[in-house]
Structure formats: C-alpha cells, structure tokens
C-alpha cells in the first residue's frame, strides 16, 4: 500500500517513516502534478484548511481519488473536538474510512494499528 502524506513540522514524516510501505510526500510543488496508479492511504496532519488543501488538490488530480482507500490523522489531543479534524474531513468528503488517529509522530502501538487497518483494506 502506498502511503501519501504531507508534513509541515516533520512529525507526520517521522510517523510515516516507521511504516513498512512505499511513501509519497505531497508538497506545494508537486500536489497538482502527481498521479498514482495504485491503492493508497493518506496520513494527514491537523492544520487549517489553507495549509492542508494541497491534499485535496492531490486527491482531485487525474484519477487519484479512485485509488484512495483510507485516511489516518496526526494531531494533538489538547485540541479536543478539533483533534485530527483534517483527516476526519478528508474521510468524510471522499467517502473512505478514517483508519486511525494518533498524537504527534505516533508510537509503536499506532504503527501496529495502522498496519492492521491497511491489511484489512487490502
């Protein structure tokens, strides 16, 4: 499974690097140019829509939306209802499951949960 992510502070990148999957980092420079032709999940940090809108741009490029299988979110539990809202919004908007939410760069239990969820969706 391909793992697509964005990382502004490096926390999400640190989590994704713990996963045993191929990865693709989305940036302002490549969000509109990249097309995937394989199933993928997104790992999204929690920021204002203006900062994370490039994930929507990527999903809506070419046929990328057809390959999106789920979303994970990184956030801070101190934000209460706003915890992982970016991932929750993406899952809702694109009708895919919210696989897991974790704090900051996650821990080994979070890695195991994501691996289990990826195995469940194929």
PDB file of N, CA and C in Angstrom:
ATOM      1  N   UNK A   1       0.851  -1.176   0.000  1.00  0.00           N
ATOM      2  CA  UNK A   1       0.000   0.000   0.000  1.00  0.00           C
ATOM      3  C   UNK A   1       0.899   1.241   0.000  1.00  0.00           C
ATOM      4  N   UNK A   2       0.583   2.150  -0.843  1.00  0.00           N
ATOM      5  CA  UNK A   2       1.284   3.422  -0.895  1.00  0.00           C
ATOM      6  C   UNK A   2       0.751   4.320   0.219  1.00  0.00           C
ATOM      7  N   UNK A   3       1.646   5.038   0.887  1.00  0.00           N
ATOM      8  CA  UNK A   3       1.259   5.999   1.924  1.00  0.00           C
ATOM      9  C   UNK A   3       1.602   7.392   1.417  1.00  0.00           C
ATOM     10  N   UNK A   4       0.567   8.197   1.215  1.00  0.00           N
ATOM     11  CA  UNK A   4       0.722   9.577   0.761  1.00  0.00           C
ATOM     12  C   UNK A   4       0.550  10.466   1.980  1.00  0.00           C
ATOM     13  N   UNK A   5       1.415  11.463   2.126  1.00  0.00           N
ATOM     14  CA  UNK A   5       1.345  12.311   3.309  1.00  0.00           C
ATOM     15  C   UNK A   5       1.878  13.700   3.008  1.00  0.00           C
ATOM     16  N   UNK A   6       1.569  14.611   3.920  1.00  0.00           N
ATOM     17  CA  UNK A   6       2.229  15.916   3.930  1.00  0.00           C
ATOM     18  C   UNK A   6       2.726  16.137   5.346  1.00  0.00           C
ATOM     19  N   UNK A   7       3.783  16.907   5.480  1.00  0.00           N
ATOM     20  CA  UNK A   7       4.357  17.146   6.799  1.00  0.00           C
ATOM     21  C   UNK A   7       4.949  18.546   6.843  1.00  0.00           C
ATOM     22  N   UNK A   8       4.363  19.395   7.657  1.00  0.00           N
ATOM     23  CA  UNK A   8       4.871  20.765   7.765  1.00  0.00           C
ATOM     24  C   UNK A   8       5.968  20.890   8.817  1.00  0.00           C
ATOM     25  N   UNK A   9       5.842  20.143   9.927  1.00  0.00           N
ATOM     26  CA  UNK A   9       6.824  20.249  11.007  1.00  0.00           C
ATOM     27  C   UNK A   9       7.744  19.042  11.095  1.00  0.00           C
ATOM     28  N   UNK A  10       7.448  18.010  10.331  1.00  0.00           N
ATOM     29  CA  UNK A  10       8.252  16.792  10.375  1.00  0.00           C
ATOM     30  C   UNK A  10       7.648  15.689  11.221  1.00  0.00           C
ATOM     31  N   UNK A  11       6.638  15.983  12.033  1.00  0.00           N
ATOM     32  CA  UNK A  11       6.028  14.968  12.890  1.00  0.00           C
ATOM     33  C   UNK A  11       5.376  13.854  12.056  1.00  0.00           C
ATOM     34  N   UNK A  12       4.589  14.238  11.058  1.00  0.00           N
ATOM     35  CA  UNK A  12       3.917  13.233  10.230  1.00  0.00           C
ATOM     36  C   UNK A  12       4.944  12.415   9.458  1.00  0.00           C
ATOM     37  N   UNK A  13       5.980  13.060   8.949  1.00  0.00           N
ATOM     38  CA  UNK A  13       7.048  12.346   8.217  1.00  0.00           C
ATOM     39  C   UNK A  13       7.701  11.300   9.124  1.00  0.00           C
ATOM     40  N   UNK A  14       7.963  11.662  10.386  1.00  0.00           N
ATOM     41  CA  UNK A  14       8.582  10.723  11.323  1.00  0.00           C
ATOM     42  C   UNK A  14       7.693   9.504  11.537  1.00  0.00           C
ATOM     43  N   UNK A  15       6.380   9.723  11.606  1.00  0.00           N
ATOM     44  CA  UNK A  15       5.475   8.591  11.756  1.00  0.00           C
ATOM     45  C   UNK A  15       5.492   7.710  10.511  1.00  0.00           C
ATOM     46  N   UNK A  16       5.347   8.314   9.366  1.00  0.00           N
ATOM     47  CA  UNK A  16       5.280   7.562   8.110  1.00  0.00           C
ATOM     48  C   UNK A  16       6.550   6.745   7.892  1.00  0.00           C
ATOM     49  N   UNK A  17       7.677   7.261   8.304  1.00  0.00           N
ATOM     50  CA  UNK A  17       8.943   6.536   8.133  1.00  0.00           C
ATOM     51  C   UNK A  17       9.003   5.259   8.972  1.00  0.00           C
ATOM     52  N   UNK A  18       8.130   5.144   9.967  1.00  0.00           N
ATOM     53  CA  UNK A  18       8.066   3.929  10.783  1.00  0.00           C
ATOM     54  C   UNK A  18       7.257   2.819  10.108  1.00  0.00           C
ATOM     55  N   UNK A  19       6.504   3.176   9.086  1.00  0.00           N
ATOM     56  CA  UNK A  19       5.653   2.201   8.396  1.00  0.00           C
ATOM     57  C   UNK A  19       6.439   1.457   7.319  1.00  0.00           C
ATOM     58  N   UNK A  20       6.100   0.192   7.064  1.00  0.00           N
ATOM     59  CA  UNK A  20       6.855  -0.611   6.091  1.00  0.00           C
ATOM     60  C   UNK A  20       6.304  -0.506   4.664  1.00  0.00           C
ATOM     61  N   UNK A  21       5.900   0.698   4.269  1.00  0.00           N
ATOM     62  CA  UNK A  21       5.277   0.878   2.967  1.00  0.00           C
ATOM     63  C   UNK A  21       6.005   1.942   2.151  1.00  0.00           C
ATOM     64  N   UNK A  22       5.785   1.883   0.871  1.00  0.00           N
ATOM     65  CA  UNK A  22       6.278   2.928  -0.024  1.00  0.00           C
ATOM     66  C   UNK A  22       5.572   4.231   0.350  1.00  0.00           C
ATOM     67  N   UNK A  23       6.285   5.357   0.282  1.00  0.00           N
ATOM     68  CA  UNK A  23       5.703   6.638   0.671  1.00  0.00           C
ATOM     69  C   UNK A  23       5.850   7.673  -0.435  1.00  0.00           C
ATOM     70  N   UNK A  24       4.965   8.660  -0.373  1.00  0.00           N
ATOM     71  CA  UNK A  24       4.983   9.776  -1.309  1.00  0.00           C
ATOM     72  C   UNK A  24       4.600  11.027  -0.542  1.00  0.00           C
ATOM     73  N   UNK A  25       5.518  11.985  -0.455  1.00  0.00           N
ATOM     74  CA  UNK A  25       5.244  13.223   0.264  1.00  0.00           C
ATOM     75  C   UNK A  25       4.677  14.270  -0.696  1.00  0.00           C
ATOM     76  N   UNK A  26       3.559  14.851  -0.305  1.00  0.00           N
ATOM     77  CA  UNK A  26       2.902  15.892  -1.086  1.00  0.00           C
ATOM     78  C   UNK A  26       3.378  17.251  -0.589  1.00  0.00           C
ATOM     79  N   UNK A  27       3.755  18.108  -1.528  1.00  0.00           N
ATOM     80  CA  UNK A  27       4.196  19.462  -1.209  1.00  0.00           C
ATOM     81  C   UNK A  27       3.490  20.442  -2.146  1.00  0.00           C
ATOM     82  N   UNK A  28       3.667  21.710  -1.881  1.00  0.00           N
ATOM     83  CA  UNK A  28       3.104  22.721  -2.782  1.00  0.00           C
ATOM     84  C   UNK A  28       3.638  22.561  -4.198  1.00  0.00           C
ATOM     85  N   UNK A  29       4.861  22.089  -4.310  1.00  0.00           N
ATOM     86  CA  UNK A  29       5.493  21.982  -5.622  1.00  0.00           C
ATOM     87  C   UNK A  29       4.965  20.818  -6.459  1.00  0.00           C
ATOM     88  N   UNK A  30       4.389  19.785  -5.813  1.00  0.00           N
ATOM     89  CA  UNK A  30       4.009  18.616  -6.606  1.00  0.00           C
ATOM     90  C   UNK A  30       2.539  18.196  -6.490  1.00  0.00           C
ATOM     91  N   UNK A  31       1.739  18.885  -5.712  1.00  0.00           N
ATOM     92  CA  UNK A  31       0.362  18.448  -5.433  1.00  0.00           C
ATOM     93  C   UNK A  31      -0.497  18.315  -6.683  1.00  0.00           C
ATOM     94  N   UNK A  32      -0.249  19.149  -7.679  1.00  0.00           N
ATOM     95  CA  UNK A  32      -1.078  19.131  -8.890  1.00  0.00           C
ATOM     96  C   UNK A  32      -0.511  18.244  -9.990  1.00  0.00           C
ATOM     97  N   UNK A  33       0.722  17.779  -9.814  1.00  0.00           N
ATOM     98  CA  UNK A  33       1.412  17.069 -10.889  1.00  0.00           C
ATOM     99  C   UNK A  33       1.460  15.560 -10.720  1.00  0.00           C
ATOM    100  N   UNK A  34       1.226  15.076  -9.520  1.00  0.00           N
ATOM    101  CA  UNK A  34       1.417  13.655  -9.250  1.00  0.00           C
ATOM    102  C   UNK A  34       0.127  12.870  -9.447  1.00  0.00           C
ATOM    103  N   UNK A  35       0.250  11.808 -10.202  1.00  0.00           N
ATOM    104  CA  UNK A  35      -0.859  10.874 -10.347  1.00  0.00           C
ATOM    105  C   UNK A  35      -0.376   9.510  -9.903  1.00  0.00           C
ATOM    106  N   UNK A  36      -1.215   8.823  -9.136  1.00  0.00           N
ATOM    107  CA  UNK A  36      -0.879   7.474  -8.701  1.00  0.00           C
ATOM    108  C   UNK A  36      -1.761   6.491  -9.452  1.00  0.00           C
ATOM    109  N   UNK A  37      -1.258   5.290  -9.550  1.00  0.00           N
ATOM    110  CA  UNK A  37      -1.992   4.240 -10.258  1.00  0.00           C
ATOM    111  C   UNK A  37      -1.996   2.974  -9.409  1.00  0.00           C
ATOM    112  N   UNK A  38      -2.137   3.177  -8.110  1.00  0.00           N
ATOM    113  CA  UNK A  38      -2.184   2.072  -7.163  1.00  0.00           C
ATOM    114  C   UNK A  38      -2.946   2.523  -5.917  1.00  0.00           C
ATOM    115  N   UNK A  39      -3.471   1.578  -5.142  1.00  0.00           N
ATOM    116  CA  UNK A  39      -4.178   1.948  -3.921  1.00  0.00           C
ATOM    117  C   UNK A  39      -3.255   2.672  -2.944  1.00  0.00           C
ATOM    118  N   UNK A  40      -3.824   3.654  -2.235  1.00  0.00           N
ATOM    119  CA  UNK A  40      -3.031   4.401  -1.261  1.00  0.00           C
ATOM    120  C   UNK A  40      -3.913   4.859  -0.112  1.00  0.00           C
ATOM    121  N   UNK A  41      -3.241   5.171   0.999  1.00  0.00           N
ATOM    122  CA  UNK A  41      -3.882   5.858   2.104  1.00  0.00           C
ATOM    123  C   UNK A  41      -3.192   7.198   2.263  1.00  0.00           C
ATOM    124  N   UNK A  42      -3.884   8.109   2.919  1.00  0.00           N
ATOM    125  CA  UNK A  42      -3.305   9.414   3.229  1.00  0.00           C
ATOM    126  C   UNK A  42      -3.091   9.507   4.733  1.00  0.00           C
ATOM    127  N   UNK A  43      -1.952  10.041   5.135  1.00  0.00           N
ATOM    128  CA  UNK A  43      -1.701  10.390   6.523  1.00  0.00           C
ATOM    129  C   UNK A  43      -1.635  11.918   6.555  1.00  0.00           C
ATOM    130  N   UNK A  44      -2.613  12.511   7.249  1.00  0.00           N
ATOM    131  CA  UNK A  44      -2.783  13.964   7.219  1.00  0.00           C
ATOM    132  C   UNK A  44      -2.515  14.587   8.587  1.00  0.00           C
ATOM    133  N   UNK A  45      -1.685  15.611   8.636  1.00  0.00           N
ATOM    134  CA  UNK A  45      -1.541  16.363   9.880  1.00  0.00           C
ATOM    135  C   UNK A  45      -2.770  17.260  10.067  1.00  0.00           C
ATOM    136  N   UNK A  46      -2.910  17.820  11.241  1.00  0.00           N
ATOM    137  CA  UNK A  46      -4.049  18.684  11.535  1.00  0.00           C
ATOM    138  C   UNK A  46      -3.610  20.144  11.515  1.00  0.00           C
ATOM    139  N   UNK A  47      -4.073  20.855  10.500  1.00  0.00           N
ATOM    140  CA  UNK A  47      -3.821  22.285  10.348  1.00  0.00           C
ATOM    141  C   UNK A  47      -5.051  22.913   9.715  1.00  0.00           C
ATOM    142  N   UNK A  48      -5.063  24.234   9.664  1.00  0.00           N
ATOM    143  CA  UNK A  48      -6.145  24.930   8.977  1.00  0.00           C
ATOM    144  C   UNK A  48      -6.254  24.440   7.537  1.00  0.00           C
ATOM    145  N   UNK A  49      -7.432  24.559   6.991  1.00  0.00           N
ATOM    146  CA  UNK A  49      -7.696  24.095   5.625  1.00  0.00           C
ATOM    147  C   UNK A  49      -6.724  24.722   4.629  1.00  0.00           C
ATOM    148  N   UNK A  50      -6.371  25.976   4.834  1.00  0.00           N
ATOM    149  CA  UNK A  50      -5.459  26.643   3.904  1.00  0.00           C
ATOM    150  C   UNK A  50      -4.118  25.921   3.822  1.00  0.00           C
ATOM    151  N   UNK A  51      -3.689  25.316   4.923  1.00  0.00           N
ATOM    152  CA  UNK A  51      -2.400  24.622   4.944  1.00  0.00           C
ATOM    153  C   UNK A  51      -2.489  23.218   4.364  1.00  0.00           C
ATOM    154  N   UNK A  52      -3.627  22.559   4.536  1.00  0.00           N
ATOM    155  CA  UNK A  52      -3.738  21.161   4.113  1.00  0.00           C
ATOM    156  C   UNK A  52      -4.518  20.980   2.821  1.00  0.00           C
ATOM    157  N   UNK A  53      -4.944  22.051   2.210  1.00  0.00           N
ATOM    158  CA  UNK A  53      -5.730  21.972   0.985  1.00  0.00           C
ATOM    159  C   UNK A  53      -4.975  21.277  -0.149  1.00  0.00           C
ATOM    160  N   UNK A  54      -3.652  21.223  -0.056  1.00  0.00           N
ATOM    161  CA  UNK A  54      -2.896  20.533  -1.109  1.00  0.00           C
ATOM    162  C   UNK A  54      -3.210  19.036  -1.133  1.00  0.00           C
ATOM    163  N   UNK A  55      -3.685  18.496  -0.012  1.00  0.00           N
ATOM    164  CA  UNK A  55      -4.096  17.092  -0.024  1.00  0.00           C
ATOM    165  C   UNK A  55      -5.332  16.913  -0.900  1.00  0.00           C
ATOM    166  N   UNK A  56      -6.279  17.847  -0.800  1.00  0.00           N
ATOM    167  CA  UNK A  56      -7.447  17.803  -1.684  1.00  0.00           C
ATOM    168  C   UNK A  56      -7.016  17.964  -3.135  1.00  0.00           C
ATOM    169  N   UNK A  57      -6.078  18.867  -3.383  1.00  0.00           N
ATOM    170  CA  UNK A  57      -5.586  19.073  -4.743  1.00  0.00           C
ATOM    171  C   UNK A  57      -5.006  17.778  -5.299  1.00  0.00           C
ATOM    172  N   UNK A  58      -4.224  17.081  -4.478  1.00  0.00           N
ATOM    173  CA  UNK A  58      -3.650  15.811  -4.916  1.00  0.00           C
ATOM    174  C   UNK A  58      -4.743  14.786  -5.202  1.00  0.00           C
ATOM    175  N   UNK A  59      -5.677  14.628  -4.268  1.00  0.00           N
ATOM    176  CA  UNK A  59      -6.743  13.633  -4.440  1.00  0.00           C
ATOM    177  C   UNK A  59      -7.530  13.895  -5.719  1.00  0.00           C
ATOM    178  N   UNK A  60      -7.744  15.155  -6.032  1.00  0.00           N
ATOM    179  CA  UNK A  60      -8.567  15.514  -7.182  1.00  0.00           C
ATOM    180  C   UNK A  60      -7.792  15.620  -8.489  1.00  0.00           C
ATOM    181  N   UNK A  61      -6.499  15.304  -8.466  1.00  0.00           N
ATOM    182  CA  UNK A  61      -5.691  15.298  -9.677  1.00  0.00           C
ATOM    183  C   UNK A  61      -5.875  13.970 -10.404  1.00  0.00           C
ATOM    184  N   UNK A  62      -6.101  14.050 -11.707  1.00  0.00           N
ATOM    185  CA  UNK A  62      -6.236  12.834 -12.515  1.00  0.00           C
ATOM    186  C   UNK A  62      -7.265  11.888 -11.946  1.00  0.00           C
ATOM    187  N   UNK A  63      -6.872  10.632 -11.799  1.00  0.00           N
ATOM    188  CA  UNK A  63      -7.763   9.597 -11.279  1.00  0.00           C
ATOM    189  C   UNK A  63      -7.375   9.189  -9.856  1.00  0.00           C
ATOM    190  N   UNK A  64      -6.655  10.066  -9.147  1.00  0.00           N
ATOM    191  CA  UNK A  64      -6.160   9.732  -7.809  1.00  0.00           C
ATOM    192  C   UNK A  64      -7.268   9.359  -6.834  1.00  0.00           C
ATOM    193  N   UNK A  65      -8.408  10.005  -6.939  1.00  0.00           N
ATOM    194  CA  UNK A  65      -9.484   9.731  -5.985  1.00  0.00           C
ATOM    195  C   UNK A  65      -9.930   8.267  -6.043  1.00  0.00           C
ATOM    196  N   UNK A  66      -9.878   7.664  -7.199  1.00  0.00           N
ATOM    197  CA  UNK A  66     -10.315   6.276  -7.353  1.00  0.00           C
ATOM    198  C   UNK A  66      -9.436   5.299  -6.567  1.00  0.00           C
ATOM    199  N   UNK A  67      -8.202   5.665  -6.293  1.00  0.00           N
ATOM    200  CA  UNK A  67      -7.274   4.776  -5.600  1.00  0.00           C
ATOM    201  C   UNK A  67      -7.198   5.029  -4.096  1.00  0.00           C
ATOM    202  N   UNK A  68      -7.845   6.089  -3.606  1.00  0.00           N
ATOM    203  CA  UNK A  68      -7.812   6.423  -2.182  1.00  0.00           C
ATOM    204  C   UNK A  68      -8.615   5.389  -1.395  1.00  0.00           C
ATOM    205  N   UNK A  69      -7.971   4.746  -0.417  1.00  0.00           N
ATOM    206  CA  UNK A  69      -8.608   3.666   0.350  1.00  0.00           C
ATOM    207  C   UNK A  69      -8.876   4.013   1.805  1.00  0.00           C
ATOM    208  N   UNK A  70      -8.260   5.061   2.330  1.00  0.00           N
ATOM    209  CA  UNK A  70      -8.477   5.423   3.725  1.00  0.00           C
ATOM    210  C   UNK A  70      -7.586   6.569   4.140  1.00  0.00           C
ATOM    211  N   UNK A  71      -7.856   7.075   5.345  1.00  0.00           N
ATOM    212  CA  UNK A  71      -7.130   8.237   5.865  1.00  0.00           C
ATOM    213  C   UNK A  71      -6.755   7.997   7.323  1.00  0.00           C
ATOM    214  N   UNK A  72      -5.554   8.418   7.670  1.00  0.00           N
ATOM    215  CA  UNK A  72      -5.100   8.454   9.063  1.00  0.00           C
ATOM    216  C   UNK A  72      -4.810   9.913   9.403  1.00  0.00           C
ATOM    217  N   UNK A  73      -4.883  10.235  10.676  1.00  0.00           N
ATOM    218  CA  UNK A  73      -4.635  11.614  11.070  1.00  0.00           C
ATOM    219  C   UNK A  73      -3.660  11.734  12.221  1.00  0.00           C
ATOM    220  N   UNK A  74      -2.877  12.785  12.155  1.00  0.00           N
ATOM    221  CA  UNK A  74      -1.967  13.152  13.230  1.00  0.00           C
ATOM    222  C   UNK A  74      -2.494  14.425  13.869  1.00  0.00           C
ATOM    223  N   UNK A  75      -2.466  14.495  15.185  1.00  0.00           N
ATOM    224  CA  UNK A  75      -2.973  15.691  15.848  1.00  0.00           C
ATOM    225  C   UNK A  75      -2.513  15.786  17.284  1.00  0.00           C
ATOM    226  N   UNK A  76      -3.182  16.653  18.018  1.00  0.00           N
ATOM    227  CA  UNK A  76      -2.871  16.922  19.410  1.00  0.00           C
ATOM    228  C   UNK A  76      -4.174  16.812  20.193  1.00  0.00           C
ATOM    229  N   UNK A  77      -4.232  15.914  21.147  1.00  0.00           N
ATOM    230  CA  UNK A  77      -5.453  15.703  21.930  1.00  0.00           C
ATOM    231  C   UNK A  77      -5.888  16.954  22.690  1.00  0.00           C
ATOM    232  N   UNK A  78      -4.970  17.879  22.924  1.00  0.00           N
ATOM    233  CA  UNK A  78      -5.334  19.134  23.602  1.00  0.00           C
ATOM    234  C   UNK A  78      -6.319  19.968  22.792  1.00  0.00           C
ATOM    235  N   UNK A  79      -6.455  19.667  21.497  1.00  0.00           N
ATOM    236  CA  UNK A  79      -7.372  20.426  20.647  1.00  0.00           C
ATOM    237  C   UNK A  79      -8.808  19.928  20.730  1.00  0.00           C
ATOM    238  N   UNK A  80      -9.062  18.923  21.611  1.00  0.00           N
ATOM    239  CA  UNK A  80     -10.414  18.411  21.860  1.00  0.00           C
ATOM    240  C   UNK A  80     -11.155  18.061  20.579  1.00  0.00           C
ATOM    241  N   UNK A  81     -12.241  18.738  20.271  1.00  0.00           N
ATOM    242  CA  UNK A  81     -13.063  18.417  19.103  1.00  0.00           C
ATOM    243  C   UNK A  81     -12.327  18.621  17.786  1.00  0.00           C
ATOM    244  N   UNK A  82     -11.272  19.402  17.800  1.00  0.00           N
ATOM    245  CA  UNK A  82     -10.507  19.653  16.582  1.00  0.00           C
ATOM    246  C   UNK A  82      -9.389  18.616  16.361  1.00  0.00           C
ATOM    247  N   UNK A  83      -9.287  17.668  17.268  1.00  0.00           N
ATOM    248  CA  UNK A  83      -8.279  16.618  17.155  1.00  0.00           C
ATOM    249  C   UNK A  83      -8.455  15.868  15.831  1.00  0.00           C
ATOM    250  N   UNK A  84      -7.451  15.901  15.002  1.00  0.00           N
ATOM    251  CA  UNK A  84      -7.412  15.188  13.720  1.00  0.00           C
ATOM    252  C   UNK A  84      -8.551  15.577  12.782  1.00  0.00           C
ATOM    253  N   UNK A  85      -9.037  16.811  12.879  1.00  0.00           N
ATOM    254  CA  UNK A  85     -10.170  17.209  12.039  1.00  0.00           C
ATOM    255  C   UNK A  85      -9.839  17.165  10.553  1.00  0.00           C
ATOM    256  N   UNK A  86      -8.605  17.388  10.164  1.00  0.00           N
ATOM    257  CA  UNK A  86      -8.247  17.324   8.748  1.00  0.00           C
ATOM    258  C   UNK A  86      -8.496  15.916   8.202  1.00  0.00           C
ATOM    259  N   UNK A  87      -8.018  14.908   8.911  1.00  0.00           N
ATOM    260  CA  UNK A  87      -8.218  13.519   8.480  1.00  0.00           C
ATOM    261  C   UNK A  87      -9.701  13.156   8.486  1.00  0.00           C
ATOM    262  N   UNK A  88     -10.405  13.589   9.496  1.00  0.00           N
ATOM    263  CA  UNK A  88     -11.844  13.295   9.583  1.00  0.00           C
ATOM    264  C   UNK A  88     -12.596  13.927   8.421  1.00  0.00           C
ATOM    265  N   UNK A  89     -12.234  15.158   8.085  1.00  0.00           N
ATOM    266  CA  UNK A  89     -12.875  15.840   6.956  1.00  0.00           C
ATOM    267  C   UNK A  89     -12.568  15.144   5.631  1.00  0.00           C
ATOM    268  N   UNK A  90     -11.318  14.744   5.431  1.00  0.00           N
ATOM    269  CA  UNK A  90     -10.961  14.049   4.194  1.00  0.00           C
ATOM    270  C   UNK A  90     -11.719  12.732   4.062  1.00  0.00           C
ATOM    271  N   UNK A  91     -11.794  11.976   5.149  1.00  0.00           N
ATOM    272  CA  UNK A  91     -12.508  10.700   5.112  1.00  0.00           C
ATOM    273  C   UNK A  91     -13.979  10.925   4.771  1.00  0.00           C
ATOM    274  N   UNK A  92     -14.577  11.916   5.393  1.00  0.00           N
ATOM    275  CA  UNK A  92     -15.990  12.215   5.122  1.00  0.00           C
ATOM    276  C   UNK A  92     -16.195  12.690   3.687  1.00  0.00           C
ATOM    277  N   UNK A  93     -15.373  13.639   3.267  1.00  0.00           N
ATOM    278  CA  UNK A  93     -15.555  14.253   1.946  1.00  0.00           C
ATOM    279  C   UNK A  93     -15.336  13.275   0.796  1.00  0.00           C
ATOM    280  N   UNK A  94     -14.428  12.316   0.990  1.00  0.00           N
ATOM    281  CA  UNK A  94     -14.104  11.388  -0.094  1.00  0.00           C
ATOM    282  C   UNK A  94     -14.666   9.979   0.148  1.00  0.00           C
ATOM    283  N   UNK A  95     -15.488   9.839   1.176  1.00  0.00           N
ATOM    284  CA  UNK A  95     -16.218   8.588   1.435  1.00  0.00           C
ATOM    285  C   UNK A  95     -15.292   7.384   1.582  1.00  0.00           C
ATOM    286  N   UNK A  96     -14.251   7.567   2.389  1.00  0.00           N
ATOM    287  CA  UNK A  96     -13.337   6.472   2.707  1.00  0.00           C
ATOM    288  C   UNK A  96     -13.235   6.372   4.230  1.00  0.00           C
ATOM    289  N   UNK A  97     -12.793   5.231   4.742  1.00  0.00           N
ATOM    290  CA  UNK A  97     -12.730   5.091   6.198  1.00  0.00           C
ATOM    291  C   UNK A  97     -11.625   5.924   6.843  1.00  0.00           C
ATOM    292  N   UNK A  98     -11.922   6.410   8.038  1.00  0.00           N
ATOM    293  CA  UNK A  98     -10.907   7.002   8.897  1.00  0.00           C
ATOM    294  C   UNK A  98     -10.257   5.824   9.615  1.00  0.00           C
ATOM    295  N   UNK A  99      -9.031   5.529   9.278  1.00  0.00           N
ATOM    296  CA  UNK A  99      -8.375   4.317   9.758  1.00  0.00           C
ATOM    297  C   UNK A  99      -7.851   4.449  11.177  1.00  0.00           C
ATOM    298  N   UNK A 100      -7.252   5.604  11.504  1.00  0.00           N
ATOM    299  CA  UNK A 100      -6.646   5.767  12.825  1.00  0.00           C
ATOM    300  C   UNK A 100      -6.238   7.223  13.019  1.00  0.00           C
ATOM    301  N   UNK A 101      -6.286   7.674  14.267  1.00  0.00           N
ATOM    302  CA  UNK A 101      -5.757   8.988  14.649  1.00  0.00           C
ATOM    303  C   UNK A 101      -4.712   8.777  15.732  1.00  0.00           C
ATOM    304  N   UNK A 102      -3.659   9.552  15.690  1.00  0.00           N
ATOM    305  CA  UNK A 102      -2.577   9.418  16.655  1.00  0.00           C
ATOM    306  C   UNK A 102      -2.025  10.801  16.981  1.00  0.00           C
ATOM    307  N   UNK A 103      -1.341  10.887  18.113  1.00  0.00           N
ATOM    308  CA  UNK A 103      -0.757  12.165  18.505  1.00  0.00           C
ATOM    309  C   UNK A 103       0.653  12.311  17.944  1.00  0.00           C
ATOM    310  N   UNK A 104       0.929  13.532  17.473  1.00  0.00           N
ATOM    311  CA  UNK A 104       2.256  13.938  17.013  1.00  0.00           C
ATOM    312  C   UNK A 104       2.853  12.942  16.028  1.00  0.00           C
ATOM    313  N   UNK A 105       3.963  12.270  16.404  1.00  0.00           N
ATOM    314  CA  UNK A 105       4.595  11.311  15.492  1.00  0.00           C
ATOM    315  C   UNK A 105       4.225   9.869  15.817  1.00  0.00           C
ATOM    316  N   UNK A 106       3.223   9.701  16.663  1.00  0.00           N
ATOM    317  CA  UNK A 106       2.739   8.369  16.982  1.00  0.00           C
ATOM    318  C   UNK A 106       3.742   7.542  17.767  1.00  0.00           C
ATOM    319  N   UNK A 107       3.320   6.336  18.121  1.00  0.00           N
ATOM    320  CA  UNK A 107       4.200   5.408  18.828  1.00  0.00           C
ATOM    321  C   UNK A 107       4.080   4.033  18.172  1.00  0.00           C
ATOM    322  N   UNK A 108       4.742   3.046  18.728  1.00  0.00           N
ATOM    323  CA  UNK A 108       4.746   1.715  18.109  1.00  0.00           C
ATOM    324  C   UNK A 108       3.351   1.107  18.061  1.00  0.00           C
ATOM    325  N   UNK A 109       2.533   1.376  19.063  1.00  0.00           N
ATOM    326  CA  UNK A 109       1.158   0.861  19.034  1.00  0.00           C
ATOM    327  C   UNK A 109       0.394   1.467  17.865  1.00  0.00           C
ATOM    328  N   UNK A 110       0.586   2.763  17.615  1.00  0.00           N
ATOM    329  CA  UNK A 110      -0.064   3.412  16.478  1.00  0.00           C
ATOM    330  C   UNK A 110       0.391   2.796  15.157  1.00  0.00           C
ATOM    331  N   UNK A 111       1.666   2.493  15.057  1.00  0.00           N
ATOM    332  CA  UNK A 111       2.197   1.853  13.851  1.00  0.00           C
ATOM    333  C   UNK A 111       1.520   0.502  13.643  1.00  0.00           C
ATOM    334  N   UNK A 112       1.402  -0.278  14.691  1.00  0.00           N
ATOM    335  CA  UNK A 112       0.768  -1.594  14.583  1.00  0.00           C
ATOM    336  C   UNK A 112      -0.697  -1.478  14.180  1.00  0.00           C
ATOM    337  N   UNK A 113      -1.399  -0.501  14.746  1.00  0.00           N
ATOM    338  CA  UNK A 113      -2.805  -0.300  14.399  1.00  0.00           C
ATOM    339  C   UNK A 113      -2.945   0.044  12.920  1.00  0.00           C
ATOM    340  N   UNK A 114      -2.106   0.949  12.436  1.00  0.00           N
ATOM    341  CA  UNK A 114      -2.186   1.333  11.024  1.00  0.00           C
ATOM    342  C   UNK A 114      -1.870   0.137  10.131  1.00  0.00           C
ATOM    343  N   UNK A 115      -0.876  -0.641  10.479  1.00  0.00           N
ATOM    344  CA  UNK A 115      -0.550  -1.838   9.689  1.00  0.00           C
ATOM    345  C   UNK A 115      -1.736  -2.798   9.653  1.00  0.00           C
ATOM    346  N   UNK A 116      -2.400  -2.992  10.789  1.00  0.00           N
ATOM    347  CA  UNK A 116      -3.578  -3.867  10.833  1.00  0.00           C
ATOM    348  C   UNK A 116      -4.693  -3.329   9.941  1.00  0.00           C
ATOM    349  N   UNK A 117      -4.932  -2.021  10.014  1.00  0.00           N
ATOM    350  CA  UNK A 117      -6.000  -1.411   9.212  1.00  0.00           C
ATOM    351  C   UNK A 117      -5.691  -1.510   7.731  1.00  0.00           C
ATOM    352  N   UNK A 118      -4.440  -1.307   7.365  1.00  0.00           N
ATOM    353  CA  UNK A 118      -4.044  -1.432   5.953  1.00  0.00           C
ATOM    354  C   UNK A 118      -4.259  -2.867   5.479  1.00  0.00           C
ATOM    355  N   UNK A 119      -3.901  -3.842   6.317  1.00  0.00           N
ATOM    356  CA  UNK A 119      -4.125  -5.245   5.950  1.00  0.00           C
ATOM    357  C   UNK A 119      -5.617  -5.529   5.760  1.00  0.00           C
ATOM    358  N   UNK A 120      -6.453  -4.931   6.580  1.00  0.00           N
ATOM    359  CA  UNK A 120      -7.903  -5.142   6.462  1.00  0.00           C
ATOM    360  C   UNK A 120      -8.472  -4.614   5.150  1.00  0.00           C
ATOM    361  N   UNK A 121      -7.942  -3.483   4.680  1.00  0.00           N
ATOM    362  CA  UNK A 121      -8.488  -2.899   3.448  1.00  0.00           C
ATOM    363  C   UNK A 121      -7.786  -3.409   2.200  1.00  0.00           C
ATOM    364  N   UNK A 122      -6.719  -4.169   2.397  1.00  0.00           N
ATOM    365  CA  UNK A 122      -6.070  -4.797   1.249  1.00  0.00           C
ATOM    366  C   UNK A 122      -4.843  -4.103   0.852  1.00  0.00           C
TER     367      UNK A 122
END
